[in-house]
Amino acid sequence: MWVFAARSDTLFGMPYGLKRYQQSEQSHFVTFSCYRRLPRLQHDLIRYIFVESLERTRRSYRFRVYGYVLMPEHVHMLISEPEVEFLAKAIQALKISVARRAMHYEKDSGTLWQKRYYDHNVRTAQSFVEKLRYIHRNPVKRGLVEKPEDWKWSSFRHYMTADPGAVEIEPQWTADRRNGRALRLLQIPNE
């Protein structure tokens, strides 16, 4: 059963029971998977394509990326709502961009992404920190690396070194850098 909900001047068709809270001015923890959870993101070339597409989409839709990780078969991101369009449109644009560019490099590309994505509104600072830690620890938990900083395909190195990287990450020091202030790195205690 499908329910159509009007928002602004746009209609959204959603499966019954699914609720997305967008235009809430909250951060969003977003997860989407490769088609049938196949490890389509295991090759560096496709990962580079994803990172470049994420930055291009971030600029076009004007949203902030607080954290991300590329896993072999899925992606996690902690992002703001776009300043233009709904979050769903920005995610759709990102997935289409990666899929189209990947087709040029993979002979047997097929379908790259599952159709849907998971979206959790981040309502508290505690939840924000939990989601960001989850993102950065995911490669370690899966046994892909021993330490978060060893996984090249996440935003962890930015938090550790303030290195700008290919995707602009928006912690406080990014705003400070943009406004010409000195960098203040966070001290992360050992857990």
Protein backbone atom coordinates (compact mmCIF):
# COMPACT_ATOMS: atom_id res chain seq x y z
CA MET A 1 0.00 0.00 0.00
CA TRP A 2 1.31 3.43 -0.90
CA VAL A 3 0.58 6.69 0.88
CA PHE A 4 1.15 10.05 -0.73
CA ALA A 5 2.09 12.97 1.49
CA ALA A 6 2.13 16.58 0.40
CA ARG A 7 5.01 18.75 1.54
CA SER A 8 5.52 22.23 0.15
CA ASP A 9 4.55 21.77 -3.48
CA THR A 10 5.92 18.22 -3.77
CA LEU A 11 4.21 14.85 -3.39
CA PHE A 12 6.16 11.91 -1.97
CA GLY A 13 5.08 8.33 -2.60
CA MET A 14 6.23 6.14 0.27
CA PRO A 15 5.50 2.58 1.31
CA TYR A 16 2.95 2.51 4.10
CA GLY A 17 4.52 2.95 7.52
CA LEU A 18 7.79 4.58 6.39
CA LYS A 19 8.22 8.07 7.76
CA ARG A 20 11.01 10.40 6.84
CA TYR A 21 11.46 13.58 8.83
CA GLN A 22 13.13 15.99 6.49
CA GLN A 23 13.26 19.77 6.53
CA SER A 24 13.70 19.35 10.31
CA GLU A 25 17.07 21.17 10.44
CA GLN A 26 18.56 18.07 12.08
CA SER A 27 21.57 16.05 11.04
CA HIS A 28 20.92 12.72 9.34
CA PHE A 29 22.67 9.38 9.70
CA VAL A 30 22.23 7.83 6.25
CA THR A 31 23.04 4.30 5.13
CA PHE A 32 22.62 2.79 1.68
CA SER A 33 23.77 -0.50 0.25
CA CYS A 34 25.00 -1.94 -2.98
CA TYR A 35 22.53 -4.04 -4.92
CA ARG A 36 21.95 -7.34 -3.12
CA ARG A 37 24.71 -6.28 -0.67
CA LEU A 38 27.34 -7.29 -3.22
CA PRO A 39 30.82 -5.83 -2.52
CA ARG A 40 30.68 -3.40 -5.43
CA LEU A 41 32.71 -0.78 -3.52
CA GLN A 42 35.70 -3.03 -2.92
CA HIS A 43 37.80 -1.54 -5.74
CA ASP A 44 39.69 1.71 -5.22
CA LEU A 45 38.60 3.14 -8.58
CA ILE A 46 34.91 2.92 -7.63
CA ARG A 47 35.73 4.35 -4.20
CA TYR A 48 37.49 7.32 -5.80
CA ILE A 49 34.45 7.82 -8.01
CA PHE A 50 32.20 7.77 -4.94
CA VAL A 51 34.32 10.27 -3.01
CA GLU A 52 34.50 12.66 -5.99
CA SER A 53 30.75 12.34 -6.54
CA LEU A 54 30.04 12.94 -2.85
CA GLU A 55 32.01 16.19 -2.92
CA ARG A 56 30.35 17.32 -6.14
CA THR A 57 26.89 16.48 -4.74
CA ARG A 58 27.73 18.21 -1.44
CA ARG A 59 28.55 21.40 -3.32
CA SER A 60 25.56 21.23 -5.66
CA TYR A 61 22.99 20.57 -2.93
CA ARG A 62 24.84 22.60 -0.30
CA PHE A 63 24.87 20.18 2.60
CA ARG A 64 27.56 19.56 5.20
CA VAL A 65 29.32 16.22 5.56
CA TYR A 66 30.25 15.53 9.18
CA GLY A 67 31.46 11.99 8.57
CA TYR A 68 31.39 9.12 6.09
CA VAL A 69 32.76 5.65 5.52
CA LEU A 70 32.79 3.49 2.41
CA MET A 71 32.53 -0.20 3.17
CA PRO A 72 32.80 -2.90 0.48
CA GLU A 73 29.00 -3.23 0.17
CA HIS A 74 27.50 -0.15 1.85
CA VAL A 75 27.99 3.49 2.80
CA HIS A 76 27.35 5.41 6.03
CA MET A 77 27.20 9.20 6.15
CA LEU A 78 26.45 11.76 8.82
CA ILE A 79 25.25 14.86 6.99
CA SER A 80 23.13 17.98 7.30
CA GLU A 81 20.00 18.60 5.30
CA PRO A 82 20.64 20.17 1.91
CA GLU A 83 20.01 23.88 1.55
CA VAL A 84 18.41 23.16 -1.83
CA GLU A 85 15.98 20.29 -2.42
CA PHE A 86 15.10 17.48 -0.04
CA LEU A 87 17.64 15.03 1.34
CA ALA A 88 16.09 12.25 -0.75
CA LYS A 89 16.89 14.16 -3.97
CA ALA A 90 20.50 14.72 -2.89
CA ILE A 91 20.97 11.02 -2.07
CA GLN A 92 19.36 10.08 -5.39
CA ALA A 93 21.69 12.44 -7.26
CA LEU A 94 24.74 11.00 -5.48
CA LYS A 95 23.77 7.40 -6.23
CA ILE A 96 23.01 8.18 -9.90
CA SER A 97 26.30 10.05 -10.31
CA VAL A 98 28.35 7.18 -8.90
CA ALA A 99 26.45 4.55 -10.92
CA ARG A 100 26.81 6.41 -14.22
CA ARG A 101 30.51 7.09 -13.73
CA ALA A 102 31.17 3.52 -12.57
CA MET A 103 29.56 2.11 -15.74
CA HIS A 104 32.44 3.56 -17.77
CA TYR A 105 35.00 1.55 -15.78
CA GLU A 106 33.26 -1.74 -15.07
CA LYS A 107 32.37 -4.01 -17.98
CA ASP A 108 29.79 -6.01 -16.05
CA SER A 109 28.44 -3.13 -13.96
CA GLY A 110 24.76 -4.05 -13.67
CA THR A 111 22.75 -2.37 -10.93
CA LEU A 112 24.99 -0.67 -8.38
CA TRP A 113 22.62 0.41 -5.58
CA GLN A 114 19.63 -0.87 -3.67
CA LYS A 115 16.67 1.42 -4.37
CA ARG A 116 16.11 2.70 -0.85
CA TYR A 117 18.23 4.18 1.91
CA TYR A 118 18.04 4.24 5.69
CA ASP A 119 17.76 7.65 7.32
CA HIS A 120 17.91 8.38 11.05
CA ASN A 121 17.40 11.92 12.32
CA VAL A 122 20.12 12.82 14.80
CA ARG A 123 18.42 14.81 17.54
CA THR A 124 21.06 15.10 20.28
CA ALA A 125 24.78 15.78 20.61
CA GLN A 126 25.18 12.37 22.24
CA SER A 127 23.53 10.65 19.27
CA PHE A 128 25.71 12.67 16.89
CA VAL A 129 28.90 11.46 18.63
CA GLU A 130 27.62 7.86 18.74
CA LYS A 131 26.86 7.85 15.01
CA LEU A 132 30.20 9.44 14.12
CA ARG A 133 32.07 6.87 16.24
CA TYR A 134 30.05 4.07 14.67
CA ILE A 135 30.97 5.33 11.19
CA HIS A 136 34.68 5.55 11.97
CA ARG A 137 34.88 2.24 13.84
CA ASN A 138 32.95 0.25 11.23
CA PRO A 139 36.05 -0.87 9.23
CA VAL A 140 37.74 -2.01 12.47
CA LYS A 141 34.66 -3.89 13.65
CA ARG A 142 34.47 -5.66 10.29
CA GLY A 143 38.14 -6.65 10.49
CA LEU A 144 39.21 -4.63 7.44
CA VAL A 145 41.86 -2.71 9.43
CA GLU A 146 43.24 -2.63 12.96
CA LYS A 147 42.76 1.10 13.61
CA PRO A 148 40.28 3.65 12.15
CA GLU A 149 43.11 5.77 10.77
CA ASP A 150 44.24 2.82 8.63
CA TRP A 151 41.01 2.92 6.57
CA LYS A 152 41.55 5.38 3.74
CA TRP A 153 37.87 5.51 2.81
CA SER A 154 36.42 7.45 5.72
CA SER A 155 36.49 10.88 7.27
CA PHE A 156 38.44 9.69 10.34
CA ARG A 157 41.80 10.99 9.07
CA HIS A 158 40.32 14.45 8.75
CA TYR A 159 39.33 14.40 12.41
CA MET A 160 42.74 13.09 13.38
CA THR A 161 44.91 15.45 11.29
CA ALA A 162 42.64 18.22 9.90
CA ASP A 163 43.80 17.17 6.41
CA PRO A 164 41.21 18.59 3.99
CA GLY A 165 40.91 15.41 1.89
CA ALA A 166 38.70 15.00 -1.19
CA VAL A 167 35.42 15.62 0.66
CA GLU A 168 35.01 18.76 2.73
CA ILE A 169 34.23 17.66 6.29
CA GLU A 170 32.55 20.21 8.53
CA PRO A 171 33.93 20.07 12.07
CA GLN A 172 34.59 23.35 13.88
CA TRP A 173 38.10 23.74 12.46
CA THR A 174 36.76 23.72 8.89
CA ALA A 175 34.70 26.79 9.76
CA ASP A 176 37.74 28.27 11.53
CA ARG A 177 39.94 27.67 8.47
CA ARG A 178 37.34 29.26 6.21
CA ASN A 179 37.20 32.31 8.53
CA GLY A 180 40.99 32.62 8.82
CA ARG A 181 41.29 31.47 12.46
CA ALA A 182 43.98 29.15 13.87
CA LEU A 183 43.26 25.41 13.92
CA ARG A 184 42.33 23.76 17.23
CA LEU A 185 42.59 19.96 17.05
CA LEU A 186 40.61 17.80 19.43
CA GLN A 187 42.47 15.47 21.76
CA ILE A 188 40.90 12.00 21.54
CA PRO A 189 41.42 9.96 24.72
CA ASN A 190 42.32 6.29 24.39
CA GLU A 191 39.34 4.08 25.12
